[in-house]
Amino acid sequence: MPPLLVDQWRSKRTARYSQIIEVLRRGFHLKAKGIKILRQNLKEIYRFRDLAVHPSGKIQAPLLHPEIDVGVERRFVHFRAQNAETIVNAAIGMLWDLANNGRPTDDRIVEYMKGLRQRLAELFPSGHPNSCEV
């Protein structure tokens, strides 16, 4: 990335997911729909990350836990197995789609993608079950 752009991101405190989208946009020929899907997925992943890394110190009303129908502290709703699985699948799905369907703008990315495809194929020999369209 151009150093000037990185400096702008730092000074404006640009959200990390926005920075990643810009890097991917420059590295791949992405359609507008693909950028929109990536942005939504990355924004949600970083929302959960921020909840974990920067939890609020405020006392808040309990949330209804969808699996046990009981009001519980927010952490027990946000950080349950189903949400973790959804986030992991979304992240791997993005990698899978970029590695297998992405059209890179640079030969160095093409070379990197070869190794990434091989490693992902070892993890998911039948393909990733929840791929998103890029």
C-alpha atoms as a PDB file:
ATOM      1  CA  MET A   1       0.000   0.000   0.000  1.00  0.00           C
ATOM      2  CA  PRO A   2       1.229   3.507  -0.662  1.00  0.00           C
ATOM      3  CA  PRO A   3       2.719   4.999   2.530  1.00  0.00           C
ATOM      4  CA  LEU A   4       0.586   8.134   2.130  1.00  0.00           C
ATOM      5  CA  LEU A   5      -2.587   6.047   2.204  1.00  0.00           C
ATOM      6  CA  VAL A   6      -1.402   4.145   5.297  1.00  0.00           C
ATOM      7  CA  ASP A   7      -0.669   7.480   7.007  1.00  0.00           C
ATOM      8  CA  GLN A   8      -4.171   8.720   6.111  1.00  0.00           C
ATOM      9  CA  TRP A   9      -5.704   5.570   7.577  1.00  0.00           C
ATOM     10  CA  ARG A  10      -3.782   6.116  10.806  1.00  0.00           C
ATOM     11  CA  SER A  11      -4.621   9.806  11.116  1.00  0.00           C
ATOM     12  CA  LYS A  12      -8.302   9.294  10.282  1.00  0.00           C
ATOM     13  CA  ARG A  13      -8.485   6.079  12.340  1.00  0.00           C
ATOM     14  CA  THR A  14      -9.996   4.226   9.391  1.00  0.00           C
ATOM     15  CA  ALA A  15     -11.757   1.032  10.460  1.00  0.00           C
ATOM     16  CA  ARG A  16      -9.620  -2.063   9.967  1.00  0.00           C
ATOM     17  CA  TYR A  17     -12.277  -3.821   7.868  1.00  0.00           C
ATOM     18  CA  SER A  18     -12.308  -0.805   5.500  1.00  0.00           C
ATOM     19  CA  GLN A  19      -8.531  -1.021   5.153  1.00  0.00           C
ATOM     20  CA  ILE A  20      -8.752  -4.725   4.336  1.00  0.00           C
ATOM     21  CA  ILE A  21     -11.456  -4.084   1.730  1.00  0.00           C
ATOM     22  CA  GLU A  22      -9.238  -1.484   0.063  1.00  0.00           C
ATOM     23  CA  VAL A  23      -6.263  -3.867  -0.014  1.00  0.00           C
ATOM     24  CA  LEU A  24      -8.436  -6.626  -1.516  1.00  0.00           C
ATOM     25  CA  ARG A  25      -9.973  -4.202  -4.007  1.00  0.00           C
ATOM     26  CA  ARG A  26      -6.504  -3.247  -5.209  1.00  0.00           C
ATOM     27  CA  GLY A  27      -5.278  -6.852  -5.227  1.00  0.00           C
ATOM     28  CA  PHE A  28      -8.240  -8.416  -7.046  1.00  0.00           C
ATOM     29  CA  HIS A  29     -10.649  -7.509  -9.804  1.00  0.00           C
ATOM     30  CA  LEU A  30     -13.753  -7.573  -7.608  1.00  0.00           C
ATOM     31  CA  LYS A  31     -17.295  -6.864  -8.674  1.00  0.00           C
ATOM     32  CA  ALA A  32     -19.310  -4.322  -6.707  1.00  0.00           C
ATOM     33  CA  LYS A  33     -21.464  -7.148  -5.316  1.00  0.00           C
ATOM     34  CA  GLY A  34     -18.341  -8.995  -4.124  1.00  0.00           C
ATOM     35  CA  ILE A  35     -17.004  -5.890  -2.403  1.00  0.00           C
ATOM     36  CA  LYS A  36     -20.360  -5.364  -0.702  1.00  0.00           C
ATOM     37  CA  ILE A  37     -20.449  -8.966   0.597  1.00  0.00           C
ATOM     38  CA  LEU A  38     -16.837  -8.774   1.802  1.00  0.00           C
ATOM     39  CA  ARG A  39     -17.525  -5.464   3.535  1.00  0.00           C
ATOM     40  CA  GLN A  40     -20.587  -6.856   5.338  1.00  0.00           C
ATOM     41  CA  ASN A  41     -18.764 -10.011   6.447  1.00  0.00           C
ATOM     42  CA  LEU A  42     -15.608  -8.220   7.587  1.00  0.00           C
ATOM     43  CA  LYS A  43     -17.576  -5.538   9.403  1.00  0.00           C
ATOM     44  CA  GLU A  44     -19.459  -8.193  11.370  1.00  0.00           C
ATOM     45  CA  ILE A  45     -16.281 -10.141  12.147  1.00  0.00           C
ATOM     46  CA  TYR A  46     -14.603  -7.001  13.437  1.00  0.00           C
ATOM     47  CA  ARG A  47     -17.716  -6.092  15.453  1.00  0.00           C
ATOM     48  CA  PHE A  48     -17.393  -9.353  17.348  1.00  0.00           C
ATOM     49  CA  ARG A  49     -13.653  -8.882  17.660  1.00  0.00           C
ATOM     50  CA  ASP A  50     -14.163  -5.431  19.144  1.00  0.00           C
ATOM     51  CA  LEU A  51     -16.770  -6.744  21.596  1.00  0.00           C
ATOM     52  CA  ALA A  52     -14.222  -9.293  22.814  1.00  0.00           C
ATOM     53  CA  VAL A  53     -11.161  -7.041  22.889  1.00  0.00           C
ATOM     54  CA  HIS A  54     -12.831  -3.825  24.049  1.00  0.00           C
ATOM     55  CA  PRO A  55     -15.789  -4.891  26.213  1.00  0.00           C
ATOM     56  CA  SER A  56     -18.025  -2.225  27.663  1.00  0.00           C
ATOM     57  CA  GLY A  57     -17.686  -1.627  31.380  1.00  0.00           C
ATOM     58  CA  LYS A  58     -21.302  -0.506  31.653  1.00  0.00           C
ATOM     59  CA  ILE A  59     -23.942  -2.629  33.317  1.00  0.00           C
ATOM     60  CA  GLN A  60     -26.506  -3.502  30.678  1.00  0.00           C
ATOM     61  CA  ALA A  61     -29.823  -5.285  30.657  1.00  0.00           C
ATOM     62  CA  PRO A  62     -29.617  -9.031  30.042  1.00  0.00           C
ATOM     63  CA  LEU A  63     -30.304 -10.463  26.598  1.00  0.00           C
ATOM     64  CA  LEU A  64     -32.496 -13.440  25.878  1.00  0.00           C
ATOM     65  CA  HIS A  65     -30.259 -16.395  25.039  1.00  0.00           C
ATOM     66  CA  PRO A  66     -31.755 -17.945  21.881  1.00  0.00           C
ATOM     67  CA  GLU A  67     -30.865 -21.531  22.796  1.00  0.00           C
ATOM     68  CA  ILE A  68     -31.948 -21.672  26.440  1.00  0.00           C
ATOM     69  CA  ASP A  69     -34.663 -18.960  26.539  1.00  0.00           C
ATOM     70  CA  VAL A  70     -33.212 -17.244  29.595  1.00  0.00           C
ATOM     71  CA  GLY A  71     -31.969 -13.692  30.085  1.00  0.00           C
ATOM     72  CA  VAL A  72     -28.176 -13.734  30.396  1.00  0.00           C
ATOM     73  CA  GLU A  73     -25.239 -11.356  30.272  1.00  0.00           C
ATOM     74  CA  ARG A  74     -24.480 -10.179  26.735  1.00  0.00           C
ATOM     75  CA  ARG A  75     -21.191 -12.081  26.507  1.00  0.00           C
ATOM     76  CA  PHE A  76     -23.058 -15.393  26.743  1.00  0.00           C
ATOM     77  CA  VAL A  77     -25.202 -14.427  23.762  1.00  0.00           C
ATOM     78  CA  HIS A  78     -22.434 -12.907  21.635  1.00  0.00           C
ATOM     79  CA  PHE A  79     -19.745 -15.519  22.269  1.00  0.00           C
ATOM     80  CA  ARG A  80     -21.594 -18.774  21.884  1.00  0.00           C
ATOM     81  CA  ALA A  81     -20.558 -21.688  19.677  1.00  0.00           C
ATOM     82  CA  GLN A  82     -23.032 -20.957  16.874  1.00  0.00           C
ATOM     83  CA  ASN A  83     -21.727 -17.405  16.411  1.00  0.00           C
ATOM     84  CA  ALA A  84     -18.111 -18.585  16.510  1.00  0.00           C
ATOM     85  CA  GLU A  85     -18.841 -21.213  13.863  1.00  0.00           C
ATOM     86  CA  THR A  86     -20.607 -18.648  11.667  1.00  0.00           C
ATOM     87  CA  ILE A  87     -17.685 -16.236  11.895  1.00  0.00           C
ATOM     88  CA  VAL A  88     -15.069 -18.910  11.183  1.00  0.00           C
ATOM     89  CA  ASN A  89     -17.084 -20.169   8.203  1.00  0.00           C
ATOM     90  CA  ALA A  90     -17.453 -16.637   6.838  1.00  0.00           C
ATOM     91  CA  ALA A  91     -13.721 -15.947   7.172  1.00  0.00           C
ATOM     92  CA  ILE A  92     -12.714 -19.240   5.566  1.00  0.00           C
ATOM     93  CA  GLY A  93     -15.374 -18.787   2.891  1.00  0.00           C
ATOM     94  CA  MET A  94     -13.906 -15.410   1.944  1.00  0.00           C
ATOM     95  CA  LEU A  95     -10.420 -16.922   1.717  1.00  0.00           C
ATOM     96  CA  TRP A  96     -11.731 -19.906  -0.243  1.00  0.00           C
ATOM     97  CA  ASP A  97     -13.565 -17.746  -2.760  1.00  0.00           C
ATOM     98  CA  LEU A  98     -10.681 -15.348  -3.266  1.00  0.00           C
ATOM     99  CA  ALA A  99      -8.186 -18.211  -3.615  1.00  0.00           C
ATOM    100  CA  ASN A 100     -10.314 -20.207  -6.042  1.00  0.00           C
ATOM    101  CA  ASN A 101     -12.353 -17.597  -7.894  1.00  0.00           C
ATOM    102  CA  GLY A 102     -10.437 -14.356  -7.404  1.00  0.00           C
ATOM    103  CA  ARG A 103      -8.801 -12.610 -10.324  1.00  0.00           C
ATOM    104  CA  PRO A 104      -5.606 -11.106  -8.930  1.00  0.00           C
ATOM    105  CA  THR A 105      -4.098  -7.913 -10.289  1.00  0.00           C
ATOM    106  CA  ASP A 106      -0.478  -8.919  -9.614  1.00  0.00           C
ATOM    107  CA  ASP A 107       1.692 -11.962 -10.387  1.00  0.00           C
ATOM    108  CA  ARG A 108       2.895 -12.114  -6.768  1.00  0.00           C
ATOM    109  CA  ILE A 109      -0.689 -12.628  -5.639  1.00  0.00           C
ATOM    110  CA  VAL A 110      -1.144 -15.379  -8.255  1.00  0.00           C
ATOM    111  CA  GLU A 111       1.878 -17.175  -6.814  1.00  0.00           C
ATOM    112  CA  TYR A 112       0.656 -16.791  -3.227  1.00  0.00           C
ATOM    113  CA  MET A 113      -2.786 -18.075  -4.197  1.00  0.00           C
ATOM    114  CA  LYS A 114      -1.319 -21.368  -5.437  1.00  0.00           C
ATOM    115  CA  GLY A 115      -0.069 -22.247  -1.963  1.00  0.00           C
ATOM    116  CA  LEU A 116      -3.231 -20.961  -0.306  1.00  0.00           C
ATOM    117  CA  ARG A 117      -5.432 -23.107  -2.567  1.00  0.00           C
ATOM    118  CA  GLN A 118      -3.355 -26.159  -1.714  1.00  0.00           C
ATOM    119  CA  ARG A 119      -3.611 -25.558   2.041  1.00  0.00           C
ATOM    120  CA  LEU A 120      -7.351 -24.890   1.849  1.00  0.00           C
ATOM    121  CA  ALA A 121      -7.892 -28.038  -0.259  1.00  0.00           C
ATOM    122  CA  GLU A 122      -6.200 -30.071   2.470  1.00  0.00           C
ATOM    123  CA  LEU A 123      -8.609 -28.630   5.041  1.00  0.00           C
ATOM    124  CA  PHE A 124     -11.686 -28.888   2.801  1.00  0.00           C
ATOM    125  CA  PRO A 125     -11.172 -31.689   0.230  1.00  0.00           C
ATOM    126  CA  SER A 126     -14.808 -31.397  -0.934  1.00  0.00           C
ATOM    127  CA  GLY A 127     -14.698 -27.602  -1.117  1.00  0.00           C
ATOM    128  CA  HIS A 128     -15.815 -25.116   1.454  1.00  0.00           C
ATOM    129  CA  PRO A 129     -19.463 -25.783   2.283  1.00  0.00           C
ATOM    130  CA  ASN A 130     -20.478 -22.152   2.864  1.00  0.00           C
ATOM    131  CA  SER A 131     -18.666 -20.220   0.155  1.00  0.00           C
ATOM    132  CA  CYS A 132     -19.840 -16.703  -0.549  1.00  0.00           C
ATOM    133  CA  GLU A 133     -19.845 -15.226  -4.035  1.00  0.00           C
ATOM    134  CA  VAL A 134     -17.008 -12.802  -4.872  1.00  0.00           C
END
